[in-house]
Amino acid sequence: MKAIVIEQAGGPDVLQVRTMPTPEPRDGWVLIRVKAFGLNRSEMFTRQGHSPDVEFPRVLGIECVGVVEAAPGTDLQPGQTVAAVMGGMGRAFDGGYAEYALIPARSVLPVKTELPWEILGAIPETFLTAWGGLKEAMDMLPGKVLLVRGGTSSVGMAAISLAKGWDTTVIATTRNQAKVAALQQAGVNHVIIEQGQIASEVKKIFPLGVNYVLELVGTTLYDSLQATAAQGIVCYAGILGNAWTFENFGPMAAIPSTVKLTTYGSGSVHVDHSTAALQDIVDGVAAGRYQVNIDRVFHFDEIVDAHRHMEENRAIGKIVVLVD
């Protein structure tokens, strides 16, 4: 099979298309014939050498969609459409950047759909992260106000789509004035140019603050807390700002009284509790309730260009690679 392999950390050019043996099926694991996969910034961080537990050579890819080739010891059947997400993909073992991927059954979600592969490939990690942040972490109620920090990221655009489908008023931020129109087209009610400190601007629109914040930038967490209304919730779910930790974090000073701070990571995705959510999302996309925002579709041998596009922050929404 063909696979995209990295031998050592570095820039996009370290991604190399090579021929390697197709994985052998084994009990409890699913061999997937990969049809498409989305790109994720965590894969960029791993490629750059920021994932210390990853051993090279490695096939990256924390998600993929495709068809079951073999699934011994599981309930899955050959020919069944599936999505694979997280669970060590592309880090502890080879991931989705290949024609075939061997994935533990716990991370393989069956799905019934006739969506094109490039559409389905844009959904799993992105929408399940957004869904988890909004529903599982914050239990977001309809008719409220949501602030999305990092609105034009793939998870940000997915969260906006889900929230608008749930009758939510949405404020979203972007650092780039040229991306404002894309957010407005996605249904965002108020767009704010990201400058790190926007709480006062948010409160000009909603004097009491917002009910929910999906914090995808990370470095703007303190300000997001200040933009939140009493009894509101902030969910820290991304590190677009490339900062992994906070220095001198004082909870009593940073978190306003009665405001709640939680987190959500896509590592929480599991076949037992995420399959129904994925099916709901896919059905919603097919019915037009949710919108998949694809920035660009690349082909397998264009992986270097795809990573460069991601690293240069040119994307608005999801980057997808077709395995053809």
Protein backbone atom coordinates (compact mmCIF):
# COMPACT_ATOMS: atom_id res chain seq x y z
CA MET A 1 0.00 0.00 0.00
CA LYS A 2 0.97 3.66 -0.24
CA ALA A 3 1.37 5.62 2.97
CA ILE A 4 2.61 9.05 3.98
CA VAL A 5 5.55 8.55 6.33
CA ILE A 6 7.75 10.89 8.36
CA GLU A 7 11.20 9.74 9.46
CA GLN A 8 12.00 12.79 11.59
CA ALA A 9 10.42 16.01 12.78
CA GLY A 10 10.51 19.03 10.50
CA GLY A 11 8.63 21.12 7.99
CA PRO A 12 6.00 19.91 5.52
CA ASP A 13 8.72 18.45 3.26
CA VAL A 14 9.39 15.62 5.74
CA LEU A 15 6.09 14.04 4.67
CA GLN A 16 6.97 11.36 2.11
CA VAL A 17 4.71 9.06 0.08
CA ARG A 18 6.11 5.54 0.31
CA THR A 19 5.15 1.95 -0.37
CA MET A 20 4.90 -0.23 2.73
CA PRO A 21 3.21 -3.53 3.66
CA THR A 22 -0.54 -3.46 4.23
CA PRO A 23 -1.25 -4.13 7.92
CA GLU A 24 -2.34 -7.63 8.84
CA PRO A 25 -5.81 -7.86 10.44
CA ARG A 26 -5.94 -9.05 14.05
CA ASP A 27 -8.63 -9.61 16.69
CA GLY A 28 -10.12 -6.45 18.13
CA TRP A 29 -8.66 -4.25 15.42
CA VAL A 30 -10.29 -3.02 12.20
CA LEU A 31 -8.50 -2.84 8.86
CA ILE A 32 -9.97 0.15 7.01
CA ARG A 33 -9.58 0.91 3.33
CA VAL A 34 -9.17 4.66 3.71
CA LYS A 35 -11.14 6.90 1.38
CA ALA A 36 -10.42 10.32 2.91
CA PHE A 37 -9.00 12.00 5.97
CA GLY A 38 -9.12 15.48 7.43
CA LEU A 39 -6.05 17.42 8.49
CA ASN A 40 -5.67 18.55 12.09
CA ARG A 41 -3.28 20.97 13.75
CA SER A 42 -2.28 18.31 16.26
CA GLU A 43 -0.76 16.40 13.32
CA MET A 44 1.19 19.51 12.42
CA PHE A 45 2.47 19.72 16.00
CA THR A 46 3.53 16.06 15.89
CA ARG A 47 5.26 16.61 12.56
CA GLN A 48 7.10 19.58 14.05
CA GLY A 49 8.35 17.43 16.94
CA HIS A 50 6.08 18.69 19.74
CA SER A 51 4.66 15.25 20.65
CA PRO A 52 7.44 13.79 22.82
CA ASP A 53 5.96 10.29 23.08
CA VAL A 54 5.77 9.78 19.30
CA GLU A 55 8.46 7.55 17.80
CA PHE A 56 9.51 7.93 14.18
CA PRO A 57 9.06 6.66 11.54
CA ARG A 58 5.35 7.21 11.85
CA VAL A 59 2.27 7.44 9.64
CA LEU A 60 0.34 10.45 10.98
CA GLY A 61 -3.42 10.96 11.02
CA ILE A 62 -5.75 11.10 14.02
CA GLU A 63 -8.83 10.40 11.88
CA CYS A 64 -10.01 8.83 8.63
CA VAL A 65 -13.13 7.56 6.91
CA GLY A 66 -13.46 4.55 4.67
CA VAL A 67 -14.70 1.01 4.30
CA VAL A 68 -14.08 -2.02 6.51
CA GLU A 69 -11.71 -4.46 4.84
CA ALA A 70 -11.55 -6.89 7.76
CA ALA A 71 -12.63 -6.75 11.41
CA PRO A 72 -12.00 -10.07 13.20
CA GLY A 73 -13.41 -10.33 16.69
CA THR A 74 -15.78 -7.36 16.22
CA ASP A 75 -19.36 -6.76 15.10
CA LEU A 76 -18.23 -4.79 12.05
CA GLN A 77 -18.61 -6.32 8.60
CA PRO A 78 -16.48 -5.97 5.44
CA GLY A 79 -17.83 -3.23 3.21
CA GLN A 80 -19.34 -1.24 6.09
CA THR A 81 -18.73 2.53 6.11
CA VAL A 82 -16.83 3.71 9.19
CA ALA A 83 -14.99 6.66 10.68
CA ALA A 84 -11.94 6.23 12.88
CA VAL A 85 -11.00 8.89 15.42
CA MET A 86 -8.22 9.39 17.97
CA GLY A 87 -7.41 6.64 20.49
CA GLY A 88 -3.69 6.88 19.72
CA MET A 89 -4.00 7.10 15.93
CA GLY A 90 -0.93 8.61 14.31
CA ARG A 91 0.90 8.73 17.62
CA ALA A 92 1.01 5.42 19.49
CA PHE A 93 0.49 3.54 16.21
CA ASP A 94 0.19 4.41 12.52
CA GLY A 95 -2.81 6.52 11.61
CA GLY A 96 -4.98 7.55 8.69
CA TYR A 97 -2.43 8.98 6.21
CA ALA A 98 -2.43 5.74 4.21
CA GLU A 99 -4.42 3.60 1.80
CA TYR A 100 -5.13 1.19 4.66
CA ALA A 101 -5.20 1.80 8.41
CA LEU A 102 -5.37 -0.76 11.22
CA ILE A 103 -7.26 0.80 14.13
CA PRO A 104 -8.50 -0.54 17.51
CA ALA A 105 -12.23 -1.26 17.36
CA ARG A 106 -12.88 1.14 20.27
CA SER A 107 -11.99 4.04 17.96
CA VAL A 108 -13.96 2.90 14.90
CA LEU A 109 -17.48 4.30 14.56
CA PRO A 110 -19.92 2.73 12.08
CA VAL A 111 -22.01 5.23 10.16
CA LYS A 112 -24.79 4.97 7.60
CA THR A 113 -24.56 7.65 4.95
CA GLU A 114 -24.37 8.38 1.25
CA LEU A 115 -22.41 11.62 1.67
CA PRO A 116 -19.43 12.01 -0.70
CA TRP A 117 -16.12 10.94 0.83
CA GLU A 118 -14.71 14.45 0.87
CA ILE A 119 -17.74 15.64 2.90
CA LEU A 120 -17.70 12.68 5.27
CA GLY A 121 -13.94 13.04 5.66
CA ALA A 122 -14.37 16.57 7.01
CA ILE A 123 -16.72 15.55 9.81
CA PRO A 124 -15.41 13.09 12.44
CA GLU A 125 -12.74 14.77 14.56
CA THR A 126 -13.90 18.31 13.89
CA PHE A 127 -17.62 17.91 14.50
CA LEU A 128 -17.25 15.44 17.36
CA THR A 129 -14.89 17.84 19.13
CA ALA A 130 -17.34 20.70 18.61
CA TRP A 131 -20.26 18.50 19.69
CA GLY A 132 -18.38 17.33 22.78
CA GLY A 133 -17.47 20.86 23.80
CA LEU A 134 -20.96 22.22 23.33
CA LYS A 135 -23.08 19.27 24.44
CA GLU A 136 -21.01 17.02 26.68
CA ALA A 137 -18.86 19.61 28.43
CA MET A 138 -21.27 22.56 28.61
CA ASP A 139 -24.67 20.92 28.04
CA MET A 140 -25.53 23.97 25.96
CA LEU A 141 -29.22 24.93 25.93
CA PRO A 142 -30.98 26.39 22.86
CA GLY A 143 -31.83 30.05 22.71
CA LYS A 144 -28.67 31.20 24.54
CA VAL A 145 -25.57 33.16 23.48
CA LEU A 146 -22.31 31.42 22.49
CA LEU A 147 -18.90 32.99 21.92
CA VAL A 148 -16.50 31.02 19.72
CA ARG A 149 -12.87 32.13 20.04
CA GLY A 150 -11.13 31.02 16.84
CA GLY A 151 -14.23 30.97 14.69
CA THR A 152 -12.64 30.24 11.31
CA SER A 153 -10.81 27.14 12.52
CA SER A 154 -12.31 23.82 11.43
CA VAL A 155 -13.68 23.12 14.93
CA GLY A 156 -14.89 26.72 15.21
CA MET A 157 -16.82 26.51 11.97
CA ALA A 158 -18.31 23.15 13.01
CA ALA A 159 -19.37 24.58 16.37
CA ILE A 160 -21.00 27.55 14.65
CA SER A 161 -22.92 25.22 12.35
CA LEU A 162 -24.14 23.05 15.23
CA ALA A 163 -25.06 26.06 17.37
CA LYS A 164 -27.05 27.73 14.60
CA GLY A 165 -28.93 24.46 14.14
CA TRP A 166 -29.85 24.68 17.84
CA ASP A 167 -31.28 28.23 17.69
CA THR A 168 -28.26 29.87 19.33
CA THR A 169 -27.03 33.45 18.98
CA VAL A 170 -23.36 33.24 18.02
CA ILE A 171 -20.46 35.66 18.41
CA ALA A 172 -17.24 34.53 16.74
CA THR A 173 -13.74 35.94 16.53
CA THR A 174 -11.14 35.99 13.78
CA ARG A 175 -7.75 37.65 13.54
CA ASN A 176 -8.19 38.25 9.82
CA GLN A 177 -10.56 40.89 8.47
CA ALA A 178 -10.68 38.99 5.17
CA LYS A 179 -12.35 36.07 6.93
CA VAL A 180 -15.25 38.07 8.35
CA ALA A 181 -17.47 37.39 5.34
CA ALA A 182 -17.04 33.63 5.74
CA LEU A 183 -18.23 33.82 9.34
CA GLN A 184 -21.21 35.94 8.38
CA GLN A 185 -22.08 33.50 5.63
CA ALA A 186 -21.95 30.69 8.21
CA GLY A 187 -24.65 32.47 10.18
CA VAL A 188 -22.60 34.23 12.87
CA ASN A 189 -24.64 37.07 14.39
CA HIS A 190 -21.70 39.19 15.55
CA VAL A 191 -18.09 39.02 14.33
CA ILE A 192 -15.28 40.51 16.42
CA ILE A 193 -11.71 40.96 15.19
CA GLU A 194 -9.52 39.04 17.61
CA GLN A 195 -7.10 41.24 19.51
CA GLY A 196 -6.63 39.15 22.64
CA GLN A 197 -8.77 41.46 24.79
CA ILE A 198 -12.38 41.56 23.60
CA ALA A 199 -14.43 41.14 26.80
CA SER A 200 -15.38 44.82 26.89
CA GLU A 201 -16.45 44.69 23.24
CA VAL A 202 -18.56 41.57 23.91
CA LYS A 203 -20.28 43.36 26.79
CA LYS A 204 -21.14 46.28 24.54
CA ILE A 205 -23.33 43.78 22.67
CA PHE A 206 -24.44 41.70 25.66
CA PRO A 207 -23.92 43.78 28.83
CA LEU A 208 -24.24 40.81 31.18
CA GLY A 209 -21.87 38.65 29.12
CA VAL A 210 -22.39 35.49 27.10
CA ASN A 211 -23.80 32.22 28.39
CA TYR A 212 -21.19 29.93 26.83
CA VAL A 213 -17.68 30.23 25.43
CA LEU A 214 -15.92 27.65 23.27
CA GLU A 215 -12.28 28.61 23.78
CA LEU A 216 -10.23 27.32 20.84
CA VAL A 217 -7.36 29.82 20.92
CA GLY A 218 -6.19 29.00 24.43
CA THR A 219 -4.11 32.09 25.04
CA THR A 220 -7.30 34.15 25.26
CA LEU A 221 -8.76 32.09 28.11
CA TYR A 222 -8.49 34.81 30.78
CA ASP A 223 -10.33 37.29 28.57
CA SER A 224 -13.01 34.72 27.67
CA LEU A 225 -13.72 34.19 31.35
CA GLN A 226 -14.26 37.92 31.76
CA ALA A 227 -16.69 37.92 28.81
CA THR A 228 -18.89 35.27 30.45
CA ALA A 229 -22.11 35.97 32.32
CA ALA A 230 -22.76 34.75 35.86
CA GLN A 231 -23.57 31.02 35.85
CA GLY A 232 -22.02 30.83 32.37
CA ILE A 233 -19.58 28.16 31.20
CA VAL A 234 -16.24 28.35 29.39
CA CYS A 235 -14.98 25.22 27.65
CA TYR A 236 -11.26 25.15 26.87
CA ALA A 237 -11.00 22.95 23.78
CA GLY A 238 -8.12 24.17 21.61
CA ILE A 239 -4.64 25.63 21.44
CA LEU A 240 -4.65 27.64 18.23
CA GLY A 241 -2.46 30.13 20.09
CA ASN A 242 0.24 27.42 20.36
CA ALA A 243 0.57 27.76 24.14
CA TRP A 244 0.39 24.48 26.06
CA THR A 245 0.46 25.83 29.62
CA PHE A 246 -0.31 28.96 31.65
CA GLU A 247 2.06 30.55 34.12
CA ASN A 248 0.83 31.96 37.44
CA PHE A 249 -2.73 30.78 36.90
CA GLY A 250 -4.75 31.85 39.94
CA PRO A 251 -8.27 30.40 39.76
CA MET A 252 -9.80 32.80 42.30
CA ALA A 253 -8.50 35.80 40.37
CA ALA A 254 -8.98 34.45 36.85
CA ILE A 255 -12.44 32.89 37.13
CA PRO A 256 -15.32 35.29 37.91
CA SER A 257 -17.62 34.21 40.70
CA THR A 258 -20.13 31.52 39.62
CA VAL A 259 -18.58 31.19 36.14
CA LYS A 260 -17.60 27.59 35.39
CA LEU A 261 -14.47 26.44 33.53
CA THR A 262 -14.27 23.03 31.90
CA THR A 263 -12.33 21.32 29.12
CA TYR A 264 -12.99 18.94 26.26
CA GLY A 265 -10.54 16.94 24.18
CA SER A 266 -11.30 14.69 21.23
CA GLY A 267 -9.52 11.91 23.12
CA SER A 268 -12.89 11.49 24.85
CA VAL A 269 -14.39 10.17 21.62
CA HIS A 270 -15.23 6.45 21.94
CA VAL A 271 -17.37 4.07 19.93
CA ASP A 272 -19.75 3.45 22.87
CA HIS A 273 -20.87 7.06 23.36
CA SER A 274 -19.86 8.83 20.15
CA THR A 275 -21.44 6.64 17.46
CA ALA A 276 -24.95 8.06 17.99
CA ALA A 277 -23.60 11.63 17.98
CA LEU A 278 -21.73 11.05 14.73
CA GLN A 279 -24.81 9.56 13.08
CA ASP A 280 -26.90 12.54 14.22
CA ILE A 281 -24.31 14.93 12.79
CA VAL A 282 -24.05 13.07 9.48
CA ASP A 283 -27.84 12.92 9.15
CA GLY A 284 -28.01 16.64 9.96
CA VAL A 285 -25.48 17.43 7.24
CA ALA A 286 -27.38 15.31 4.72
CA ALA A 287 -30.63 17.08 5.66
CA GLY A 288 -29.08 20.53 5.46
CA ARG A 289 -29.40 21.31 9.19
CA TYR A 290 -25.62 21.49 9.61
CA GLN A 291 -23.08 22.87 7.16
CA VAL A 292 -19.69 21.30 6.51
CA ASN A 293 -17.19 24.05 5.81
CA ILE A 294 -14.46 22.61 3.61
CA ASP A 295 -11.68 25.01 2.80
CA ARG A 296 -9.95 22.85 0.21
CA VAL A 297 -9.65 19.24 -0.93
CA PHE A 298 -6.19 17.89 -1.72
CA HIS A 299 -5.16 14.58 -3.24
CA PHE A 300 -2.93 12.02 -1.55
CA ASP A 301 0.27 13.01 -3.35
CA GLU A 302 -0.36 16.69 -2.49
CA ILE A 303 0.13 16.13 1.25
CA VAL A 304 3.11 18.50 1.50
CA ASP A 305 1.09 21.33 -0.06
CA ALA A 306 -1.84 20.48 2.22
CA HIS A 307 0.30 20.72 5.37
CA ARG A 308 1.90 23.94 4.16
CA HIS A 309 -1.58 25.39 3.57
CA MET A 310 -2.54 24.47 7.14
CA GLU A 311 0.69 25.73 8.69
CA GLU A 312 0.37 29.10 6.99
CA ASN A 313 -3.14 29.54 8.47
CA ARG A 314 -4.71 30.04 5.06
CA ALA A 315 -7.68 27.75 5.67
CA ILE A 316 -11.21 28.77 6.58
CA GLY A 317 -12.73 25.52 7.74
CA LYS A 318 -11.52 21.97 7.14
CA ILE A 319 -8.76 20.71 4.88
CA VAL A 320 -9.51 17.25 3.47
CA VAL A 321 -7.30 14.78 1.65
CA LEU A 322 -8.82 12.22 -0.74
CA VAL A 323 -7.10 8.86 -1.00
CA ASP A 324 -7.46 8.13 -4.71
